[in-house]
Amino acid sequence: MDKHEHGERAEGHHLIPHKMAGPITVDNCVVMCRACHSNAHQAGRWGDISVYDDLAKLPMTEMIARIAALYPHYQG
């Protein structure tokens, strides 16, 4: 894995988690440093998907687009 200037490794973050049937595709991923990845999961609470409750009834492509808009370097 590549490391950024502060030595943290890069990790893939799924915009829509697997628990919500998020696809394992490039469009559903962003690359983040370890600290930012942990932060994206509410400080490491990997199983807590309650932040997605308001998106649950949307089509998958719209869910991905809404979450991706929060990531300034998303290229999907």
PDB file of N, CA and C in Angstrom:
ATOM      1  N   MET A   1       0.839  -1.186   0.000  1.00  0.00           N
ATOM      2  CA  MET A   1       0.000   0.000   0.000  1.00  0.00           C
ATOM      3  C   MET A   1       0.881   1.246   0.000  1.00  0.00           C
ATOM      4  N   ASP A   2       0.407   2.269  -0.665  1.00  0.00           N
ATOM      5  CA  ASP A   2       1.124   3.537  -0.680  1.00  0.00           C
ATOM      6  C   ASP A   2       0.955   4.232   0.659  1.00  0.00           C
ATOM      7  N   LYS A   3       1.908   5.100   0.972  1.00  0.00           N
ATOM      8  CA  LYS A   3       1.815   5.879   2.203  1.00  0.00           C
ATOM      9  C   LYS A   3       1.805   7.355   1.854  1.00  0.00           C
ATOM     10  N   HIS A   4       1.072   8.159   2.625  1.00  0.00           N
ATOM     11  CA  HIS A   4       1.089   9.593   2.353  1.00  0.00           C
ATOM     12  C   HIS A   4       2.197  10.255   3.138  1.00  0.00           C
ATOM     13  N   GLU A   5       2.325  11.558   3.008  1.00  0.00           N
ATOM     14  CA  GLU A   5       3.483  12.263   3.554  1.00  0.00           C
ATOM     15  C   GLU A   5       3.658  12.102   5.060  1.00  0.00           C
ATOM     16  N   HIS A   6       2.619  11.744   5.780  1.00  0.00           N
ATOM     17  CA  HIS A   6       2.750  11.558   7.230  1.00  0.00           C
ATOM     18  C   HIS A   6       2.907  10.086   7.610  1.00  0.00           C
ATOM     19  N   GLY A   7       3.083   9.234   6.621  1.00  0.00           N
ATOM     20  CA  GLY A   7       3.370   7.836   6.881  1.00  0.00           C
ATOM     21  C   GLY A   7       2.175   6.913   6.995  1.00  0.00           C
ATOM     22  N   GLU A   8       0.965   7.432   6.910  1.00  0.00           N
ATOM     23  CA  GLU A   8      -0.201   6.561   6.991  1.00  0.00           C
ATOM     24  C   GLU A   8      -0.444   5.870   5.664  1.00  0.00           C
ATOM     25  N   ARG A   9      -0.925   4.652   5.737  1.00  0.00           N
ATOM     26  CA  ARG A   9      -1.225   3.924   4.503  1.00  0.00           C
ATOM     27  C   ARG A   9      -2.557   4.381   3.921  1.00  0.00           C
ATOM     28  N   ALA A  10      -2.724   4.143   2.643  1.00  0.00           N
ATOM     29  CA  ALA A  10      -3.984   4.454   1.966  1.00  0.00           C
ATOM     30  C   ALA A  10      -4.913   3.259   2.087  1.00  0.00           C
ATOM     31  N   GLU A  11      -6.195   3.539   2.264  1.00  0.00           N
ATOM     32  CA  GLU A  11      -7.205   2.493   2.370  1.00  0.00           C
ATOM     33  C   GLU A  11      -8.388   2.845   1.492  1.00  0.00           C
ATOM     34  N   GLY A  12      -9.074   1.830   0.992  1.00  0.00           N
ATOM     35  CA  GLY A  12     -10.292   2.039   0.224  1.00  0.00           C
ATOM     36  C   GLY A  12     -11.481   2.149   1.167  1.00  0.00           C
ATOM     37  N   HIS A  13     -12.318   3.130   0.939  1.00  0.00           N
ATOM     38  CA  HIS A  13     -13.532   3.331   1.740  1.00  0.00           C
ATOM     39  C   HIS A  13     -14.742   3.199   0.828  1.00  0.00           C
ATOM     40  N   HIS A  14     -15.655   2.317   1.191  1.00  0.00           N
ATOM     41  CA  HIS A  14     -16.888   2.159   0.422  1.00  0.00           C
ATOM     42  C   HIS A  14     -17.858   3.271   0.798  1.00  0.00           C
ATOM     43  N   LEU A  15     -18.313   4.008  -0.170  1.00  0.00           N
ATOM     44  CA  LEU A  15     -19.246   5.107   0.087  1.00  0.00           C
ATOM     45  C   LEU A  15     -20.539   4.585   0.689  1.00  0.00           C
ATOM     46  N   ILE A  16     -21.092   3.540   0.114  1.00  0.00           N
ATOM     47  CA  ILE A  16     -22.265   2.865   0.672  1.00  0.00           C
ATOM     48  C   ILE A  16     -21.776   1.527   1.213  1.00  0.00           C
ATOM     49  N   PRO A  17     -21.906   1.289   2.507  1.00  0.00           N
ATOM     50  CA  PRO A  17     -21.343   0.088   3.119  1.00  0.00           C
ATOM     51  C   PRO A  17     -21.996  -1.218   2.642  1.00  0.00           C
ATOM     52  N   HIS A  18     -21.234  -2.295   2.802  1.00  0.00           N
ATOM     53  CA  HIS A  18     -21.722  -3.626   2.426  1.00  0.00           C
ATOM     54  C   HIS A  18     -23.025  -3.979   3.136  1.00  0.00           C
ATOM     55  N   LYS A  19     -23.169  -3.534   4.379  1.00  0.00           N
ATOM     56  CA  LYS A  19     -24.392  -3.835   5.144  1.00  0.00           C
ATOM     57  C   LYS A  19     -25.644  -3.249   4.494  1.00  0.00           C
ATOM     58  N   MET A  20     -25.451  -2.279   3.601  1.00  0.00           N
ATOM     59  CA  MET A  20     -26.576  -1.683   2.880  1.00  0.00           C
ATOM     60  C   MET A  20     -26.553  -2.120   1.420  1.00  0.00           C
ATOM     61  N   ALA A  21     -25.896  -3.225   1.138  1.00  0.00           N
ATOM     62  CA  ALA A  21     -25.770  -3.778  -0.211  1.00  0.00           C
ATOM     63  C   ALA A  21     -24.960  -2.884  -1.135  1.00  0.00           C
ATOM     64  N   GLY A  22     -24.062  -2.097  -0.558  1.00  0.00           N
ATOM     65  CA  GLY A  22     -23.167  -1.274  -1.373  1.00  0.00           C
ATOM     66  C   GLY A  22     -22.318  -2.159  -2.266  1.00  0.00           C
ATOM     67  N   PRO A  23     -22.243  -1.827  -3.556  1.00  0.00           N
ATOM     68  CA  PRO A  23     -21.505  -2.678  -4.483  1.00  0.00           C
ATOM     69  C   PRO A  23     -19.992  -2.586  -4.288  1.00  0.00           C
ATOM     70  N   ILE A  24     -19.325  -3.651  -4.656  1.00  0.00           N
ATOM     71  CA  ILE A  24     -17.862  -3.681  -4.599  1.00  0.00           C
ATOM     72  C   ILE A  24     -17.367  -3.244  -5.975  1.00  0.00           C
ATOM     73  N   THR A  25     -17.457  -1.932  -6.212  1.00  0.00           N
ATOM     74  CA  THR A  25     -17.069  -1.350  -7.495  1.00  0.00           C
ATOM     75  C   THR A  25     -16.249  -0.092  -7.254  1.00  0.00           C
ATOM     76  N   VAL A  26     -15.533   0.342  -8.275  1.00  0.00           N
ATOM     77  CA  VAL A  26     -14.740   1.565  -8.173  1.00  0.00           C
ATOM     78  C   VAL A  26     -15.642   2.771  -7.914  1.00  0.00           C
ATOM     79  N   ASP A  27     -16.825   2.790  -8.521  1.00  0.00           N
ATOM     80  CA  ASP A  27     -17.746   3.917  -8.330  1.00  0.00           C
ATOM     81  C   ASP A  27     -18.192   4.071  -6.879  1.00  0.00           C
ATOM     82  N   ASN A  28     -18.114   3.017  -6.108  1.00  0.00           N
ATOM     83  CA  ASN A  28     -18.554   3.051  -4.714  1.00  0.00           C
ATOM     84  C   ASN A  28     -17.376   3.189  -3.750  1.00  0.00           C
ATOM     85  N   CYS A  29     -16.215   3.602  -4.235  1.00  0.00           N
ATOM     86  CA  CYS A  29     -15.029   3.687  -3.377  1.00  0.00           C
ATOM     87  C   CYS A  29     -14.301   5.017  -3.510  1.00  0.00           C
ATOM     88  N   VAL A  30     -13.678   5.409  -2.426  1.00  0.00           N
ATOM     89  CA  VAL A  30     -12.719   6.506  -2.413  1.00  0.00           C
ATOM     90  C   VAL A  30     -11.491   6.007  -1.661  1.00  0.00           C
ATOM     91  N   VAL A  31     -10.339   6.581  -1.949  1.00  0.00           N
ATOM     92  CA  VAL A  31      -9.104   6.231  -1.259  1.00  0.00           C
ATOM     93  C   VAL A  31      -8.851   7.289  -0.197  1.00  0.00           C
ATOM     94  N   MET A  32      -8.561   6.820   1.015  1.00  0.00           N
ATOM     95  CA  MET A  32      -8.353   7.722   2.145  1.00  0.00           C
ATOM     96  C   MET A  32      -7.158   7.252   2.962  1.00  0.00           C
ATOM     97  N   CYS A  33      -6.567   8.163   3.721  1.00  0.00           N
ATOM     98  CA  CYS A  33      -5.553   7.733   4.680  1.00  0.00           C
ATOM     99  C   CYS A  33      -6.280   7.035   5.831  1.00  0.00           C
ATOM    100  N   ARG A  34      -5.542   6.305   6.631  1.00  0.00           N
ATOM    101  CA  ARG A  34      -6.127   5.523   7.726  1.00  0.00           C
ATOM    102  C   ARG A  34      -6.921   6.404   8.693  1.00  0.00           C
ATOM    103  N   ALA A  35      -6.384   7.555   9.055  1.00  0.00           N
ATOM    104  CA  ALA A  35      -7.065   8.435  10.013  1.00  0.00           C
ATOM    105  C   ALA A  35      -8.396   8.932   9.452  1.00  0.00           C
ATOM    106  N   CYS A  36      -8.405   9.346   8.188  1.00  0.00           N
ATOM    107  CA  CYS A  36      -9.644   9.823   7.574  1.00  0.00           C
ATOM    108  C   CYS A  36     -10.647   8.684   7.402  1.00  0.00           C
ATOM    109  N   HIS A  37     -10.151   7.485   7.109  1.00  0.00           N
ATOM    110  CA  HIS A  37     -11.047   6.339   6.966  1.00  0.00           C
ATOM    111  C   HIS A  37     -11.737   6.038   8.292  1.00  0.00           C
ATOM    112  N   SER A  38     -10.972   6.063   9.369  1.00  0.00           N
ATOM    113  CA  SER A  38     -11.558   5.845  10.689  1.00  0.00           C
ATOM    114  C   SER A  38     -12.591   6.930  11.004  1.00  0.00           C
ATOM    115  N   ASN A  39     -12.262   8.165  10.660  1.00  0.00           N
ATOM    116  CA  ASN A  39     -13.183   9.269  10.894  1.00  0.00           C
ATOM    117  C   ASN A  39     -14.471   9.111  10.083  1.00  0.00           C
ATOM    118  N   ALA A  40     -14.348   8.611   8.854  1.00  0.00           N
ATOM    119  CA  ALA A  40     -15.534   8.393   8.020  1.00  0.00           C
ATOM    120  C   ALA A  40     -16.472   7.358   8.631  1.00  0.00           C
ATOM    121  N   HIS A  41     -15.935   6.519   9.504  1.00  0.00           N
ATOM    122  CA  HIS A  41     -16.736   5.507  10.204  1.00  0.00           C
ATOM    123  C   HIS A  41     -16.992   5.929  11.646  1.00  0.00           C
ATOM    124  N   GLN A  42     -17.336   7.182  11.820  1.00  0.00           N
ATOM    125  CA  GLN A  42     -17.672   7.716  13.142  1.00  0.00           C
ATOM    126  C   GLN A  42     -16.627   7.320  14.194  1.00  0.00           C
ATOM    127  N   ALA A  43     -15.389   7.669  13.922  1.00  0.00           N
ATOM    128  CA  ALA A  43     -14.260   7.406  14.818  1.00  0.00           C
ATOM    129  C   ALA A  43     -14.028   5.917  15.048  1.00  0.00           C
ATOM    130  N   GLY A  44     -14.194   5.142  14.001  1.00  0.00           N
ATOM    131  CA  GLY A  44     -13.878   3.720  14.082  1.00  0.00           C
ATOM    132  C   GLY A  44     -15.036   2.807  14.416  1.00  0.00           C
ATOM    133  N   ARG A  45     -16.243   3.312  14.505  1.00  0.00           N
ATOM    134  CA  ARG A  45     -17.412   2.452  14.756  1.00  0.00           C
ATOM    135  C   ARG A  45     -17.869   1.872  13.413  1.00  0.00           C
ATOM    136  N   TRP A  46     -17.113   0.911  12.926  1.00  0.00           N
ATOM    137  CA  TRP A  46     -17.287   0.366  11.582  1.00  0.00           C
ATOM    138  C   TRP A  46     -18.693  -0.202  11.355  1.00  0.00           C
ATOM    139  N   GLY A  47     -19.314  -0.752  12.348  1.00  0.00           N
ATOM    140  CA  GLY A  47     -20.624  -1.371  12.188  1.00  0.00           C
ATOM    141  C   GLY A  47     -21.798  -0.411  12.248  1.00  0.00           C
ATOM    142  N   ASP A  48     -21.564   0.839  12.632  1.00  0.00           N
ATOM    143  CA  ASP A  48     -22.650   1.806  12.786  1.00  0.00           C
ATOM    144  C   ASP A  48     -22.969   2.435  11.435  1.00  0.00           C
ATOM    145  N   ILE A  49     -24.094   2.044  10.853  1.00  0.00           N
ATOM    146  CA  ILE A  49     -24.492   2.606   9.562  1.00  0.00           C
ATOM    147  C   ILE A  49     -25.708   3.523   9.706  1.00  0.00           C
ATOM    148  N   SER A  50     -25.994   3.952  10.916  1.00  0.00           N
ATOM    149  CA  SER A  50     -27.162   4.793  11.158  1.00  0.00           C
ATOM    150  C   SER A  50     -27.076   6.136  10.438  1.00  0.00           C
ATOM    151  N   VAL A  51     -25.879   6.587  10.097  1.00  0.00           N
ATOM    152  CA  VAL A  51     -25.742   7.862   9.379  1.00  0.00           C
ATOM    153  C   VAL A  51     -26.327   7.783   7.967  1.00  0.00           C
ATOM    154  N   TYR A  52     -26.622   6.579   7.490  1.00  0.00           N
ATOM    155  CA  TYR A  52     -27.184   6.387   6.158  1.00  0.00           C
ATOM    156  C   TYR A  52     -28.702   6.228   6.178  1.00  0.00           C
ATOM    157  N   ASP A  53     -29.315   6.301   7.341  1.00  0.00           N
ATOM    158  CA  ASP A  53     -30.754   6.048   7.456  1.00  0.00           C
ATOM    159  C   ASP A  53     -31.592   6.903   6.514  1.00  0.00           C
ATOM    160  N   ASP A  54     -31.215   8.162   6.338  1.00  0.00           N
ATOM    161  CA  ASP A  54     -32.015   9.047   5.487  1.00  0.00           C
ATOM    162  C   ASP A  54     -31.863   8.738   3.997  1.00  0.00           C
ATOM    163  N   LEU A  55     -30.920   7.879   3.628  1.00  0.00           N
ATOM    164  CA  LEU A  55     -30.689   7.523   2.226  1.00  0.00           C
ATOM    165  C   LEU A  55     -31.241   6.153   1.862  1.00  0.00           C
ATOM    166  N   ALA A  56     -31.643   5.391   2.840  1.00  0.00           N
ATOM    167  CA  ALA A  56     -31.960   3.976   2.644  1.00  0.00           C
ATOM    168  C   ALA A  56     -33.010   3.691   1.570  1.00  0.00           C
ATOM    169  N   LYS A  57     -33.903   4.608   1.301  1.00  0.00           N
ATOM    170  CA  LYS A  57     -34.971   4.345   0.324  1.00  0.00           C
ATOM    171  C   LYS A  57     -34.634   4.839  -1.086  1.00  0.00           C
ATOM    172  N   LEU A  58     -33.465   5.414  -1.254  1.00  0.00           N
ATOM    173  CA  LEU A  58     -33.061   5.922  -2.567  1.00  0.00           C
ATOM    174  C   LEU A  58     -32.466   4.808  -3.423  1.00  0.00           C
ATOM    175  N   PRO A  59     -32.492   4.966  -4.744  1.00  0.00           N
ATOM    176  CA  PRO A  59     -31.789   4.004  -5.596  1.00  0.00           C
ATOM    177  C   PRO A  59     -30.283   4.060  -5.307  1.00  0.00           C
ATOM    178  N   MET A  60     -29.589   2.942  -5.491  1.00  0.00           N
ATOM    179  CA  MET A  60     -28.166   2.850  -5.154  1.00  0.00           C
ATOM    180  C   MET A  60     -27.341   3.948  -5.831  1.00  0.00           C
ATOM    181  N   THR A  61     -27.588   4.221  -7.099  1.00  0.00           N
ATOM    182  CA  THR A  61     -26.788   5.244  -7.795  1.00  0.00           C
ATOM    183  C   THR A  61     -26.953   6.616  -7.145  1.00  0.00           C
ATOM    184  N   GLU A  62     -28.150   6.926  -6.679  1.00  0.00           N
ATOM    185  CA  GLU A  62     -28.355   8.207  -6.012  1.00  0.00           C
ATOM    186  C   GLU A  62     -27.725   8.220  -4.622  1.00  0.00           C
ATOM    187  N   MET A  63     -27.783   7.098  -3.907  1.00  0.00           N
ATOM    188  CA  MET A  63     -27.111   7.020  -2.604  1.00  0.00           C
ATOM    189  C   MET A  63     -25.624   7.284  -2.778  1.00  0.00           C
ATOM    190  N   ILE A  64     -25.002   6.616  -3.760  1.00  0.00           N
ATOM    191  CA  ILE A  64     -23.572   6.807  -4.007  1.00  0.00           C
ATOM    192  C   ILE A  64     -23.283   8.265  -4.358  1.00  0.00           C
ATOM    193  N   ALA A  65     -24.082   8.858  -5.228  1.00  0.00           N
ATOM    194  CA  ALA A  65     -23.859  10.242  -5.637  1.00  0.00           C
ATOM    195  C   ALA A  65     -23.952  11.209  -4.460  1.00  0.00           C
ATOM    196  N   ARG A  66     -24.917  10.992  -3.587  1.00  0.00           N
ATOM    197  CA  ARG A  66     -25.073  11.900  -2.436  1.00  0.00           C
ATOM    198  C   ARG A  66     -23.904  11.801  -1.468  1.00  0.00           C
ATOM    199  N   ILE A  67     -23.457  10.583  -1.190  1.00  0.00           N
ATOM    200  CA  ILE A  67     -22.315  10.429  -0.287  1.00  0.00           C
ATOM    201  C   ILE A  67     -21.038  10.898  -0.975  1.00  0.00           C
ATOM    202  N   ALA A  68     -20.872  10.578  -2.237  1.00  0.00           N
ATOM    203  CA  ALA A  68     -19.670  10.993  -2.973  1.00  0.00           C
ATOM    204  C   ALA A  68     -19.512  12.507  -2.984  1.00  0.00           C
ATOM    205  N   ALA A  69     -20.605  13.232  -2.984  1.00  0.00           N
ATOM    206  CA  ALA A  69     -20.539  14.694  -2.988  1.00  0.00           C
ATOM    207  C   ALA A  69     -19.849  15.239  -1.736  1.00  0.00           C
ATOM    208  N   LEU A  70     -19.767  14.435  -0.694  1.00  0.00           N
ATOM    209  CA  LEU A  70     -19.094  14.849   0.543  1.00  0.00           C
ATOM    210  C   LEU A  70     -17.576  14.725   0.455  1.00  0.00           C
ATOM    211  N   TYR A  71     -17.090  14.033  -0.558  1.00  0.00           N
ATOM    212  CA  TYR A  71     -15.655  13.780  -0.726  1.00  0.00           C
ATOM    213  C   TYR A  71     -15.129  14.626  -1.885  1.00  0.00           C
ATOM    214  N   PRO A  72     -14.338  15.669  -1.620  1.00  0.00           N
ATOM    215  CA  PRO A  72     -13.923  16.599  -2.667  1.00  0.00           C
ATOM    216  C   PRO A  72     -13.066  15.974  -3.782  1.00  0.00           C
ATOM    217  N   HIS A  73     -12.403  14.875  -3.520  1.00  0.00           N
ATOM    218  CA  HIS A  73     -11.533  14.273  -4.546  1.00  0.00           C
ATOM    219  C   HIS A  73     -12.160  13.063  -5.213  1.00  0.00           C
ATOM    220  N   TYR A  74     -13.435  12.843  -5.001  1.00  0.00           N
ATOM    221  CA  TYR A  74     -14.121  11.708  -5.628  1.00  0.00           C
ATOM    222  C   TYR A  74     -14.091  11.864  -7.144  1.00  0.00           C
ATOM    223  N   GLN A  75     -13.749  10.791  -7.842  1.00  0.00           N
ATOM    224  CA  GLN A  75     -13.617  10.848  -9.289  1.00  0.00           C
ATOM    225  C   GLN A  75     -14.542   9.861  -9.998  1.00  0.00           C
ATOM    226  N   GLY A  76     -15.538   9.300  -9.325  1.00  0.00           N
ATOM    227  CA  GLY A  76     -16.383   8.246  -9.855  1.00  0.00           C
ATOM    228  C   GLY A  76     -17.210   8.561 -11.036  1.00  0.00           C
TER     229      GLY A  76
END
